[in-house]
Amino acid sequence: MSGQSMRTVARAIEDAATENKAGFRFLGESKQEERFFAYADVERESSRFAGAMQALGLRKGDRIALILPDNSDFVFAFLGAVRAGIVPVPIYPPTGLGKLAGYLENTLHIVDRSGARILLTNKEIKLLLGTIQAKAPELEQVVAVEDVRVSREKLRPVDVLPDDVCFLQFTSGSTARPKGVTLTHANLAANVRAIMQLGLAVTDTVDSGISWLPLYHDMGLIGFVIAPIYHRNPITFMSPLTFLKRPARWLEAVSQYKGSISFGPNFAYALCVKRIKESEMQGLDLSSWRVAGCGAEPIRAENLRAFAKKFAPFGFDEKAFMCCYGLAESTLAVSFSLGQGVVTDVVDGDKLWSDGRAEPIGENNTRASAIVRCGPAFDGHEVRIFAAEDANSEKPLGEREVGEIRLRGPSIMQGYHNDPEATRKAFAGGYLRTGDLGYVADGEVYVCGRSKEVIIVNGRNYYPQDIEWEASQVEGVRKGNVIAFGTMKGPADRERVVVAFETSVADEKARQTLVAKAREAIQQAVGLTVDDIVPVSAGVLPKTSSGKLQRGKTRELYESGELTQRTSAREVDKLDLAKEFAKSQIGYFRHRLFGRNDE
């Protein structure tokens, strides 16, 4: 890698300071709320935050936890820490009282595991965290960002090296407790090169990014904060809540600011199709949208094609779609399918599931299953497929053989922070074990599902994503809110198959009709008889902070009998809630996060 590409993030921030036109734009709830910082301003603001952190006693290598819902606060605090050689630890902000106990438990886990000396948040959230400091022995203080904003301390320059840790990216915990992925500046430089030069073919200062993605997760943070700094590309940020409340704001921003690159998970494109009204589409011009990335969760070609069809009259080109594969342990990106649009490999589903072979078949065949192409591995990186039991990665599987996707290259993490056992299990013979199932055909990567989530019935493998997709097609079942899993609990002597789905239908008789229809749809499409189907109210199924459904957690709730007892997303034991109020002074917590107006 060239010296230019091997720049640390700290050096990239300083180099970008010569740019006075391109930079970061932060949008508020309304179209009138807008703040712009050229990269020269970003350098100055991050320097102030860095100086304030040093004044708090933090030194190179110390960790600082960040819980900052305001995008500009987060960006300047994160970059400031990086410039001072301090290791930031992003944590997602709280979203509501209904999940407060779980949020505090998760936050304590991350703060404790990371060994953060300081937690930086705003004054309102600080009132919630009274229990955290007492239980995290290395956490010295919780600091309000309002005090840091007005600091005039100057940054004392620190020598930041490529092999230094840049930040800790805690996994979302969809299958287990969050683990802290340790990423160095060298890891980031390698992945930024893969993303920006090899994957997106960006033009410096010209390509414009639009993002509503959460900045405490890798796609939003690395893809739209760190990577653009290296190439001084203009980026427009909006809050995830703004997008969820009104998806049209995303497309309006692309139109207004001539965005050429924007990413979203599969559900985001499906939400736009479902929620954006015809009246909101008038005046949109999406012709500038060169790359519409899709990743972070299973990709359904039908969803993307429906989006392309709906917005084609407004200049959107289906060829702009770029299907991606990535994970935090590989910094972010593993493969991109730039310029290909939505391409699927239509294979024999029976052989895929039972024999582990992705054999092409006619798309009109009843056994046809379409797998989305995610592009080739980046130059200098390796994607290989191995049998799960190949503990030393000795015998790569052949073309179109399904197995565990394993990775090797300069983007791969150093390990999990303060967790040597998890780090040991994550590698096999020098390759990172992703836990994802897939295959390679003609040099292109195809992802089938999570190996740990495969359901085995009578010796045959079933991917939960396929079961979930068929159930979600039933009218009355909330699309994207279906979970399928296997369980050994119950009367059978084999793995039982359970499906849980959310529905807005309240009538019990009508729910049982939905259950029957879902059972029939799965049987016809997948050839599988489901043992139990559980309809639940909207919002009940557990999700991670990034919105991913939690199969493991749902299985636990089902096996304990709690799943059917949860009647709403906000259901909380009243005694526990009262205790949390007392402990964390929530009585003083204002309306901004919970939508309450006490004034």
Foldseek 3Di string as FASTA:
>chain_A
DDPLLLDFLLVLLVVQLVWDPFFEWEAELDPPRIDTDASVRLSVLLQLLLLLVVVVVDAAPAEEEEAEQRPVLVLSNLSNCLQRNYAYQYDYHDFALLCLVVNLVLVLVSCQLRLHQEYEYAPQVQLLNLPNPVSRPSHNYYHHVVVSSPGPGGHDGDDAHQARFRYWQWFLQLAHRTFTFTFGSLLLSVVLCLCDCVFPVDQAQPAEEEEQADCSHLCCVSVQRRSNSSRSYHYYYYHVVSCVVPVLVRQVCCQVVLHQEYEDEQVSLLCCLVPPDPVSLPPGANQSHQAYEYDPDAHDLVSLVSSCVVCVVRNDDQQNYKYFYFDVQLVGGFAIDHRRGWDWQWAQQQCCWQVQFGHGDDCPDLRIDTWTWRHAGGPQKDKFFDAPPLQAPPDTDDARGKHWIWIAGSNGTPATRPCVVRRSVQDHNRIGGPQWIWGAHPRITTTDGGVVFWFADPNTTDHQVVLLQQLCVQPFFPPPFKTWGWDCDDDDNGTAIEMETEGQDDDPVVVVVSVVNSQVSSCSRVVDGHPYYHYAHPQLFDAGPSGHGRRNVCVVCVNVVNSNVDHHNSDDDPVVSVVSCVSSVSVPNACPSHNDHPD
